[in-house]
Amino acid sequence: MKTTVVKYCILGALLLMGSKSFGQFFVSTEVYVSVSEVKSIVVNQTQLNIELSFDNPEQMMMGQTITQPNHIEITSSTDYEIKIFASTDLESGQATIPADNVSITPQPGDVGYNDATINYMPVPLSQQEQSIIMSVQGDTRRSFDITYTVGSLENYMNYPSGIYSTTITYSIVGN
């Protein structure tokens, strides 16, 4: 009888251990990823001042063009539109040159890949905000070259000598 009790004890212990080893235990957790709309735009810090000069006869006749490589860099988690405006006409003392004498032409920069979903729109500079770049998708990081063009000196005949300036503001908004 002693052996039978021992056998039942061993069998009972095996059954108890077996139920634990064959049973399934689950613990679950939930993971939340919070996604916010992110948009940023930065002007290349080495290109904050753009100077278009008429220093020689060729520039006076042909105008002046300067391309600033990787001039602006953006990040956007969704589609985006880059806009531009001038705070004033170009001013020097009491004299002014209309802002639309400066043309702005955006192109792809070195950061990011060439993407057919981005539209580039050259515009004459204006005090009214206008779109220069539109994308139907977001970009983690992308740069754009910006070309600034001023026409020939014929457009500036009879203006007093001086440095004419304005502040240009770039912004990024959702499409």
N, C-alpha and C. Protein backbone atom coordinates (compact mmCIF):
# COMPACT_ATOMS: atom_id res chain seq x y z
N MET A 1 0.81 -1.16 0.00
CA MET A 1 0.00 0.00 0.00
C MET A 1 0.87 1.24 0.00
N LYS A 2 1.99 1.12 0.64
CA LYS A 2 2.92 2.23 0.69
C LYS A 2 3.39 2.56 -0.72
N THR A 3 3.69 1.56 -1.52
CA THR A 3 4.13 1.81 -2.89
C THR A 3 3.01 2.39 -3.73
N THR A 4 1.79 2.01 -3.46
CA THR A 4 0.67 2.57 -4.21
C THR A 4 0.51 4.04 -3.88
N VAL A 5 0.64 4.42 -2.61
CA VAL A 5 0.53 5.82 -2.20
C VAL A 5 1.66 6.62 -2.85
N VAL A 6 2.87 6.06 -2.85
CA VAL A 6 4.01 6.73 -3.46
C VAL A 6 3.76 6.90 -4.95
N LYS A 7 3.22 5.83 -5.59
CA LYS A 7 2.93 5.92 -7.03
C LYS A 7 1.91 7.02 -7.31
N TYR A 8 0.86 7.08 -6.45
CA TYR A 8 -0.16 8.12 -6.66
C TYR A 8 0.40 9.52 -6.39
N CYS A 9 1.26 9.60 -5.44
CA CYS A 9 1.90 10.90 -5.15
C CYS A 9 2.77 11.33 -6.32
N ILE A 10 3.54 10.40 -6.85
CA ILE A 10 4.39 10.72 -8.00
C ILE A 10 3.51 11.06 -9.21
N LEU A 11 2.47 10.27 -9.44
CA LEU A 11 1.56 10.52 -10.56
C LEU A 11 0.88 11.88 -10.39
N GLY A 12 0.45 12.19 -9.17
CA GLY A 12 -0.18 13.48 -8.91
C GLY A 12 0.78 14.63 -9.14
N ALA A 13 2.02 14.45 -8.70
CA ALA A 13 3.04 15.50 -8.90
C ALA A 13 3.32 15.69 -10.38
N LEU A 14 3.42 14.58 -11.11
CA LEU A 14 3.65 14.68 -12.56
C LEU A 14 2.48 15.36 -13.26
N LEU A 15 1.28 15.04 -12.83
CA LEU A 15 0.11 15.68 -13.43
C LEU A 15 0.11 17.18 -13.16
N LEU A 16 0.44 17.54 -11.93
CA LEU A 16 0.48 18.98 -11.60
C LEU A 16 1.57 19.70 -12.38
N MET A 17 2.74 19.07 -12.45
CA MET A 17 3.84 19.68 -13.21
C MET A 17 3.50 19.66 -14.70
N GLY A 18 2.90 18.61 -15.14
CA GLY A 18 2.56 18.49 -16.55
C GLY A 18 1.53 19.52 -16.97
N SER A 19 0.58 19.81 -16.11
CA SER A 19 -0.43 20.79 -16.50
C SER A 19 0.19 22.18 -16.61
N LYS A 20 1.19 22.42 -15.78
CA LYS A 20 1.87 23.71 -15.89
C LYS A 20 2.75 23.76 -17.12
N SER A 21 3.40 22.65 -17.44
CA SER A 21 4.30 22.68 -18.58
C SER A 21 3.54 22.65 -19.90
N PHE A 22 2.34 22.11 -19.91
CA PHE A 22 1.56 22.08 -21.14
C PHE A 22 0.59 23.25 -21.23
N GLY A 23 0.35 23.95 -20.15
CA GLY A 23 -0.55 25.08 -20.18
C GLY A 23 0.09 26.27 -20.87
N GLN A 24 -0.72 27.13 -21.40
CA GLN A 24 -0.19 28.31 -22.07
C GLN A 24 -0.54 29.54 -21.26
N PHE A 25 0.45 30.40 -21.07
CA PHE A 25 0.25 31.62 -20.32
C PHE A 25 0.56 32.78 -21.26
N PHE A 26 -0.33 33.76 -21.34
CA PHE A 26 -0.14 34.91 -22.21
C PHE A 26 -0.20 36.18 -21.39
N VAL A 27 0.66 37.08 -21.74
CA VAL A 27 0.63 38.41 -21.17
C VAL A 27 0.69 39.35 -22.37
N SER A 28 -0.16 40.31 -22.42
CA SER A 28 -0.14 41.21 -23.57
C SER A 28 0.05 42.65 -23.10
N THR A 29 0.54 43.42 -24.02
CA THR A 29 0.74 44.84 -23.78
C THR A 29 0.34 45.58 -25.04
N GLU A 30 0.12 46.84 -24.95
CA GLU A 30 -0.23 47.63 -26.12
C GLU A 30 0.88 48.65 -26.36
N VAL A 31 1.15 48.88 -27.62
CA VAL A 31 2.15 49.87 -28.01
C VAL A 31 1.42 50.98 -28.75
N TYR A 32 1.71 52.20 -28.37
CA TYR A 32 1.11 53.35 -29.01
C TYR A 32 2.22 54.16 -29.67
N VAL A 33 2.01 54.52 -30.91
CA VAL A 33 2.93 55.40 -31.61
C VAL A 33 2.16 56.67 -31.91
N SER A 34 2.60 57.76 -31.35
CA SER A 34 1.95 59.04 -31.55
C SER A 34 2.64 59.76 -32.71
N VAL A 35 1.88 60.06 -33.74
CA VAL A 35 2.42 60.73 -34.91
C VAL A 35 1.81 62.12 -34.97
N SER A 36 2.65 63.12 -34.96
CA SER A 36 2.20 64.51 -35.09
C SER A 36 2.64 65.04 -36.45
N GLU A 37 1.93 66.03 -36.93
CA GLU A 37 2.35 66.66 -38.17
C GLU A 37 3.59 67.49 -37.88
N VAL A 38 4.64 67.25 -38.65
CA VAL A 38 5.90 67.95 -38.47
C VAL A 38 6.24 68.68 -39.77
N LYS A 39 6.53 69.96 -39.65
CA LYS A 39 6.96 70.76 -40.80
C LYS A 39 8.04 71.71 -40.31
N SER A 40 9.14 71.76 -41.05
CA SER A 40 10.18 72.73 -40.73
C SER A 40 10.84 73.19 -42.02
N ILE A 41 11.33 74.41 -41.99
CA ILE A 41 12.04 74.97 -43.13
C ILE A 41 13.19 75.82 -42.58
N VAL A 42 14.36 75.65 -43.20
CA VAL A 42 15.55 76.37 -42.75
C VAL A 42 16.26 76.93 -43.98
N VAL A 43 16.70 78.18 -43.89
CA VAL A 43 17.53 78.77 -44.93
C VAL A 43 18.98 78.49 -44.58
N ASN A 44 19.76 78.08 -45.56
CA ASN A 44 21.19 77.81 -45.38
C ASN A 44 21.84 79.03 -44.71
N GLN A 45 22.42 78.82 -43.54
CA GLN A 45 22.95 79.93 -42.74
C GLN A 45 24.13 80.65 -43.39
N THR A 46 24.77 80.03 -44.37
CA THR A 46 25.87 80.70 -45.07
C THR A 46 25.36 81.51 -46.26
N GLN A 47 24.03 81.48 -46.48
CA GLN A 47 23.45 82.16 -47.64
C GLN A 47 22.31 83.10 -47.21
N LEU A 48 22.45 83.75 -46.09
CA LEU A 48 21.37 84.62 -45.61
C LEU A 48 21.28 85.92 -46.38
N ASN A 49 22.37 86.38 -46.96
CA ASN A 49 22.37 87.63 -47.72
C ASN A 49 22.69 87.33 -49.18
N ILE A 50 21.75 87.66 -50.05
CA ILE A 50 21.90 87.44 -51.49
C ILE A 50 22.22 88.79 -52.12
N GLU A 51 23.34 88.85 -52.83
CA GLU A 51 23.73 90.11 -53.46
C GLU A 51 23.81 89.95 -54.97
N LEU A 52 22.97 90.71 -55.65
CA LEU A 52 22.98 90.76 -57.12
C LEU A 52 23.53 92.13 -57.49
N SER A 53 24.73 92.17 -58.04
CA SER A 53 25.42 93.45 -58.29
C SER A 53 25.55 93.72 -59.78
N PHE A 54 25.49 94.99 -60.11
CA PHE A 54 25.78 95.45 -61.47
C PHE A 54 27.13 96.15 -61.42
N ASP A 55 28.21 95.36 -61.63
CA ASP A 55 29.57 95.88 -61.50
C ASP A 55 30.28 96.09 -62.82
N ASN A 56 29.75 95.53 -63.91
CA ASN A 56 30.44 95.66 -65.19
C ASN A 56 29.41 95.76 -66.31
N PRO A 57 29.86 96.20 -67.50
CA PRO A 57 28.92 96.41 -68.61
C PRO A 57 28.11 95.16 -68.99
N GLU A 58 28.74 93.98 -68.93
CA GLU A 58 28.01 92.76 -69.29
C GLU A 58 26.84 92.51 -68.34
N GLN A 59 27.07 92.67 -67.06
CA GLN A 59 25.99 92.50 -66.09
C GLN A 59 24.90 93.55 -66.29
N MET A 60 25.32 94.75 -66.62
CA MET A 60 24.34 95.82 -66.84
C MET A 60 23.44 95.51 -68.02
N MET A 61 24.00 94.89 -69.05
CA MET A 61 23.22 94.59 -70.25
C MET A 61 22.44 93.28 -70.13
N MET A 62 23.03 92.28 -69.49
CA MET A 62 22.42 90.95 -69.45
C MET A 62 21.60 90.68 -68.19
N GLY A 63 21.82 91.47 -67.17
CA GLY A 63 21.17 91.18 -65.90
C GLY A 63 22.07 90.31 -65.05
N GLN A 64 21.57 89.86 -63.97
CA GLN A 64 22.38 89.11 -63.02
C GLN A 64 21.56 87.94 -62.49
N THR A 65 22.21 86.78 -62.43
CA THR A 65 21.57 85.57 -61.89
C THR A 65 22.52 84.92 -60.91
N ILE A 66 21.98 84.54 -59.75
CA ILE A 66 22.76 83.81 -58.75
C ILE A 66 21.93 82.62 -58.29
N THR A 67 22.54 81.44 -58.37
CA THR A 67 21.89 80.24 -57.83
C THR A 67 22.53 79.89 -56.50
N GLN A 68 21.68 79.74 -55.50
CA GLN A 68 22.13 79.37 -54.16
C GLN A 68 21.86 77.86 -53.98
N PRO A 69 22.92 77.04 -54.03
CA PRO A 69 22.70 75.59 -53.89
C PRO A 69 22.25 75.22 -52.48
N ASN A 70 21.31 74.31 -52.43
CA ASN A 70 20.77 73.84 -51.14
C ASN A 70 20.38 75.03 -50.24
N HIS A 71 19.74 75.99 -50.85
CA HIS A 71 19.41 77.25 -50.16
C HIS A 71 18.40 77.05 -49.03
N ILE A 72 17.40 76.21 -49.28
CA ILE A 72 16.45 75.91 -48.21
C ILE A 72 16.37 74.41 -48.03
N GLU A 73 16.14 74.00 -46.79
CA GLU A 73 15.99 72.58 -46.47
C GLU A 73 14.71 72.41 -45.65
N ILE A 74 13.95 71.39 -46.02
CA ILE A 74 12.67 71.18 -45.35
C ILE A 74 12.56 69.78 -44.77
N THR A 75 11.65 69.64 -43.84
CA THR A 75 11.16 68.36 -43.34
C THR A 75 9.66 68.49 -43.26
N SER A 76 8.94 67.48 -43.73
CA SER A 76 7.49 67.52 -43.63
C SER A 76 6.96 66.09 -43.54
N SER A 77 6.12 65.85 -42.56
CA SER A 77 5.56 64.52 -42.39
C SER A 77 4.38 64.26 -43.32
N THR A 78 3.89 65.31 -43.98
CA THR A 78 2.77 65.17 -44.92
C THR A 78 3.06 66.02 -46.15
N ASP A 79 2.10 66.03 -47.07
CA ASP A 79 2.24 66.87 -48.26
C ASP A 79 2.55 68.31 -47.82
N TYR A 80 3.17 69.07 -48.73
CA TYR A 80 3.56 70.42 -48.32
C TYR A 80 3.60 71.37 -49.50
N GLU A 81 3.62 72.63 -49.15
CA GLU A 81 3.72 73.72 -50.11
C GLU A 81 4.69 74.73 -49.52
N ILE A 82 5.65 75.18 -50.32
CA ILE A 82 6.59 76.20 -49.87
C ILE A 82 6.18 77.51 -50.53
N LYS A 83 6.04 78.52 -49.69
CA LYS A 83 5.60 79.82 -50.17
C LYS A 83 6.68 80.87 -49.89
N ILE A 84 6.58 81.96 -50.62
CA ILE A 84 7.56 83.03 -50.50
C ILE A 84 6.86 84.38 -50.63
N PHE A 85 7.40 85.39 -49.92
CA PHE A 85 6.94 86.76 -50.12
C PHE A 85 8.03 87.72 -49.67
N ALA A 86 7.97 88.93 -50.22
CA ALA A 86 8.90 90.00 -49.83
C ALA A 86 8.17 90.93 -48.87
N SER A 87 8.88 91.42 -47.86
CA SER A 87 8.24 92.30 -46.88
C SER A 87 7.88 93.65 -47.49
N THR A 88 8.70 94.10 -48.45
CA THR A 88 8.48 95.40 -49.10
C THR A 88 9.03 95.31 -50.52
N ASP A 89 8.86 96.37 -51.28
CA ASP A 89 9.63 96.49 -52.52
C ASP A 89 11.09 96.66 -52.11
N LEU A 90 12.00 96.59 -53.07
CA LEU A 90 13.42 96.79 -52.75
C LEU A 90 13.62 98.29 -52.49
N GLU A 91 14.18 98.61 -51.33
CA GLU A 91 14.29 100.00 -50.90
C GLU A 91 15.73 100.41 -50.66
N SER A 92 16.01 101.67 -51.02
CA SER A 92 17.29 102.30 -50.71
C SER A 92 16.99 103.77 -50.41
N GLY A 93 16.99 104.09 -49.13
CA GLY A 93 16.60 105.45 -48.75
C GLY A 93 15.15 105.68 -49.15
N GLN A 94 14.91 106.72 -49.93
CA GLN A 94 13.56 107.04 -50.38
C GLN A 94 13.19 106.37 -51.70
N ALA A 95 14.18 105.78 -52.38
CA ALA A 95 13.93 105.16 -53.69
C ALA A 95 13.51 103.70 -53.52
N THR A 96 12.65 103.23 -54.41
CA THR A 96 12.22 101.83 -54.38
C THR A 96 12.23 101.24 -55.78
N ILE A 97 12.53 99.98 -55.84
CA ILE A 97 12.43 99.19 -57.07
C ILE A 97 11.37 98.13 -56.80
N PRO A 98 10.41 97.96 -57.69
CA PRO A 98 9.37 96.96 -57.45
C PRO A 98 9.97 95.57 -57.23
N ALA A 99 9.44 94.86 -56.24
CA ALA A 99 9.95 93.54 -55.89
C ALA A 99 9.87 92.57 -57.07
N ASP A 100 8.89 92.76 -57.94
CA ASP A 100 8.73 91.81 -59.05
C ASP A 100 9.83 91.91 -60.11
N ASN A 101 10.80 92.81 -59.91
CA ASN A 101 11.98 92.83 -60.78
C ASN A 101 12.94 91.69 -60.44
N VAL A 102 12.69 91.01 -59.33
CA VAL A 102 13.50 89.85 -58.93
C VAL A 102 12.67 88.60 -59.20
N SER A 103 13.24 87.67 -59.95
CA SER A 103 12.57 86.40 -60.22
C SER A 103 13.15 85.32 -59.32
N ILE A 104 12.29 84.44 -58.85
CA ILE A 104 12.70 83.34 -57.97
C ILE A 104 12.40 82.03 -58.70
N THR A 105 13.43 81.19 -58.84
CA THR A 105 13.26 79.90 -59.53
C THR A 105 13.78 78.78 -58.64
N PRO A 106 12.89 77.90 -58.17
CA PRO A 106 13.32 76.76 -57.35
C PRO A 106 13.71 75.57 -58.21
N GLN A 107 14.65 74.78 -57.73
CA GLN A 107 15.08 73.53 -58.38
C GLN A 107 15.41 72.51 -57.30
N PRO A 108 15.51 71.23 -57.67
CA PRO A 108 15.92 70.22 -56.68
C PRO A 108 17.33 70.52 -56.17
N GLY A 109 17.55 70.29 -54.89
CA GLY A 109 18.88 70.42 -54.31
C GLY A 109 19.56 69.07 -54.23
N ASP A 110 20.63 68.99 -53.46
CA ASP A 110 21.42 67.76 -53.34
C ASP A 110 20.84 66.77 -52.34
N VAL A 111 20.01 67.23 -51.41
CA VAL A 111 19.47 66.35 -50.37
C VAL A 111 18.08 65.89 -50.80
N GLY A 112 17.84 64.59 -50.74
CA GLY A 112 16.59 64.01 -51.23
C GLY A 112 16.83 63.49 -52.63
N TYR A 113 15.86 62.82 -53.17
CA TYR A 113 15.99 62.28 -54.51
C TYR A 113 15.05 63.03 -55.45
N ASN A 114 15.35 62.99 -56.74
CA ASN A 114 14.50 63.67 -57.71
C ASN A 114 13.15 62.99 -57.74
N ASP A 115 12.11 63.73 -57.52
CA ASP A 115 10.79 63.15 -57.36
C ASP A 115 9.80 63.86 -58.28
N ALA A 116 9.12 63.09 -59.09
CA ALA A 116 8.16 63.65 -60.04
C ALA A 116 6.91 64.19 -59.35
N THR A 117 6.73 63.89 -58.06
CA THR A 117 5.55 64.38 -57.36
C THR A 117 5.73 65.80 -56.82
N ILE A 118 6.87 66.41 -57.11
CA ILE A 118 7.13 67.78 -56.66
C ILE A 118 7.00 68.72 -57.85
N ASN A 119 6.22 69.77 -57.67
CA ASN A 119 6.05 70.78 -58.72
C ASN A 119 6.82 72.03 -58.34
N TYR A 120 7.59 72.54 -59.30
CA TYR A 120 8.40 73.74 -59.10
C TYR A 120 7.77 74.88 -59.91
N MET A 121 7.58 76.03 -59.28
CA MET A 121 6.92 77.15 -59.93
C MET A 121 7.76 78.41 -59.80
N PRO A 122 8.44 78.81 -60.87
CA PRO A 122 9.17 80.08 -60.81
C PRO A 122 8.17 81.24 -60.72
N VAL A 123 8.53 82.25 -59.93
CA VAL A 123 7.62 83.38 -59.74
C VAL A 123 8.42 84.68 -59.68
N PRO A 124 7.79 85.78 -60.05
CA PRO A 124 8.40 87.07 -59.74
C PRO A 124 8.16 87.35 -58.26
N LEU A 125 9.14 87.90 -57.58
CA LEU A 125 9.00 88.20 -56.16
C LEU A 125 7.83 89.17 -55.97
N SER A 126 7.12 89.01 -54.88
CA SER A 126 5.93 89.82 -54.63
C SER A 126 5.77 90.02 -53.14
N GLN A 127 5.02 91.05 -52.77
CA GLN A 127 4.67 91.24 -51.37
C GLN A 127 3.48 90.35 -50.98
N GLN A 128 2.90 89.70 -51.96
CA GLN A 128 1.84 88.74 -51.72
C GLN A 128 2.45 87.35 -51.65
N GLU A 129 2.05 86.55 -50.67
CA GLU A 129 2.57 85.20 -50.54
C GLU A 129 2.16 84.37 -51.76
N GLN A 130 3.13 83.64 -52.33
CA GLN A 130 2.83 82.79 -53.48
C GLN A 130 3.63 81.49 -53.40
N SER A 131 3.07 80.45 -53.98
CA SER A 131 3.68 79.12 -53.93
C SER A 131 4.81 79.01 -54.94
N ILE A 132 5.93 78.38 -54.50
CA ILE A 132 7.02 78.10 -55.42
C ILE A 132 7.31 76.60 -55.54
N ILE A 133 6.87 75.82 -54.54
CA ILE A 133 7.10 74.37 -54.56
C ILE A 133 5.88 73.71 -53.93
N MET A 134 5.40 72.63 -54.57
CA MET A 134 4.30 71.84 -54.01
C MET A 134 4.65 70.36 -54.12
N SER A 135 4.38 69.61 -53.05
CA SER A 135 4.61 68.17 -53.05
C SER A 135 3.38 67.46 -52.50
N VAL A 136 3.00 66.35 -53.11
CA VAL A 136 1.84 65.59 -52.66
C VAL A 136 2.20 64.56 -51.60
N GLN A 137 3.47 64.52 -51.21
CA GLN A 137 3.89 63.60 -50.15
C GLN A 137 4.94 64.27 -49.27
N GLY A 138 5.13 63.71 -48.09
CA GLY A 138 6.09 64.26 -47.15
C GLY A 138 7.52 63.89 -47.51
N ASP A 139 8.45 64.55 -46.85
CA ASP A 139 9.89 64.29 -47.02
C ASP A 139 10.55 64.37 -45.65
N THR A 140 11.39 63.38 -45.35
CA THR A 140 12.10 63.43 -44.08
C THR A 140 13.16 64.52 -44.10
N ARG A 141 13.75 64.74 -45.26
CA ARG A 141 14.77 65.79 -45.40
C ARG A 141 14.98 66.03 -46.89
N ARG A 142 14.82 67.28 -47.32
CA ARG A 142 15.01 67.62 -48.73
C ARG A 142 15.50 69.05 -48.83
N SER A 143 16.42 69.28 -49.77
CA SER A 143 16.91 70.65 -49.99
C SER A 143 16.49 71.11 -51.39
N PHE A 144 16.48 72.42 -51.53
CA PHE A 144 16.13 73.04 -52.80
C PHE A 144 17.13 74.13 -53.12
N ASP A 145 17.57 74.17 -54.37
CA ASP A 145 18.36 75.29 -54.87
C ASP A 145 17.38 76.40 -55.24
N ILE A 146 17.78 77.63 -55.03
CA ILE A 146 16.96 78.78 -55.41
C ILE A 146 17.81 79.70 -56.26
N THR A 147 17.27 80.05 -57.43
CA THR A 147 17.95 80.99 -58.32
C THR A 147 17.24 82.34 -58.24
N TYR A 148 18.03 83.38 -57.99
CA TYR A 148 17.55 84.76 -57.94
C TYR A 148 18.03 85.45 -59.22
N THR A 149 17.12 86.09 -59.95
CA THR A 149 17.47 86.75 -61.21
C THR A 149 16.94 88.18 -61.21
N VAL A 150 17.80 89.09 -61.66
CA VAL A 150 17.40 90.48 -61.85
C VAL A 150 17.70 90.81 -63.31
N GLY A 151 16.75 91.48 -63.96
CA GLY A 151 16.91 91.83 -65.37
C GLY A 151 18.00 92.86 -65.61
N SER A 152 18.13 93.28 -66.85
CA SER A 152 19.19 94.21 -67.25
C SER A 152 19.02 95.57 -66.58
N LEU A 153 20.10 96.33 -66.61
CA LEU A 153 20.11 97.66 -65.99
C LEU A 153 19.10 98.60 -66.65
N GLU A 154 18.67 98.27 -67.85
CA GLU A 154 17.65 99.10 -68.49
C GLU A 154 16.43 99.25 -67.58
N ASN A 155 16.16 98.21 -66.79
CA ASN A 155 15.04 98.26 -65.84
C ASN A 155 15.31 99.24 -64.71
N TYR A 156 16.56 99.63 -64.53
CA TYR A 156 16.93 100.46 -63.38
C TYR A 156 17.51 101.80 -63.79
N MET A 157 17.29 102.20 -65.02
CA MET A 157 17.76 103.51 -65.47
C MET A 157 17.07 104.59 -64.64
N ASN A 158 17.81 105.61 -64.32
CA ASN A 158 17.32 106.77 -63.58
C ASN A 158 17.00 106.47 -62.11
N TYR A 159 17.43 105.32 -61.60
CA TYR A 159 17.33 105.07 -60.16
C TYR A 159 18.63 105.57 -59.52
N PRO A 160 18.54 106.15 -58.35
CA PRO A 160 19.77 106.58 -57.68
C PRO A 160 20.65 105.38 -57.34
N SER A 161 21.98 105.59 -57.36
CA SER A 161 22.90 104.53 -56.95
C SER A 161 22.63 104.18 -55.49
N GLY A 162 22.84 102.92 -55.17
CA GLY A 162 22.64 102.49 -53.79
C GLY A 162 22.41 100.99 -53.72
N ILE A 163 22.25 100.51 -52.54
CA ILE A 163 21.94 99.10 -52.33
C ILE A 163 20.47 99.02 -51.97
N TYR A 164 19.71 98.37 -52.82
CA TYR A 164 18.28 98.21 -52.64
C TYR A 164 18.03 96.84 -52.01
N SER A 165 17.21 96.80 -50.98
CA SER A 165 17.03 95.52 -50.29
C SER A 165 15.60 95.35 -49.79
N THR A 166 15.28 94.10 -49.54
CA THR A 166 14.02 93.71 -48.91
C THR A 166 14.29 92.42 -48.14
N THR A 167 13.37 92.04 -47.30
CA THR A 167 13.45 90.77 -46.58
C THR A 167 12.52 89.78 -47.24
N ILE A 168 13.05 88.61 -47.55
CA ILE A 168 12.26 87.54 -48.17
C ILE A 168 11.95 86.51 -47.09
N THR A 169 10.70 86.09 -47.04
CA THR A 169 10.27 85.08 -46.08
C THR A 169 9.80 83.85 -46.81
N TYR A 170 10.35 82.69 -46.41
CA TYR A 170 9.91 81.39 -46.91
C TYR A 170 9.06 80.75 -45.82
N SER A 171 8.00 80.07 -46.21
CA SER A 171 7.20 79.33 -45.25
C SER A 171 6.82 77.98 -45.83
N ILE A 172 6.48 77.04 -44.95
CA ILE A 172 6.03 75.72 -45.36
C ILE A 172 4.69 75.45 -44.70
N VAL A 173 3.72 75.05 -45.50
CA VAL A 173 2.36 74.77 -45.01
C VAL A 173 1.88 73.46 -45.63
N GLY A 174 0.81 72.92 -45.08
CA GLY A 174 0.20 71.73 -45.66
C GLY A 174 -0.49 72.08 -46.97
N ASN A 175 -0.51 71.13 -47.86
CA ASN A 175 -1.15 71.33 -49.17
C ASN A 175 -2.64 71.36 -49.05
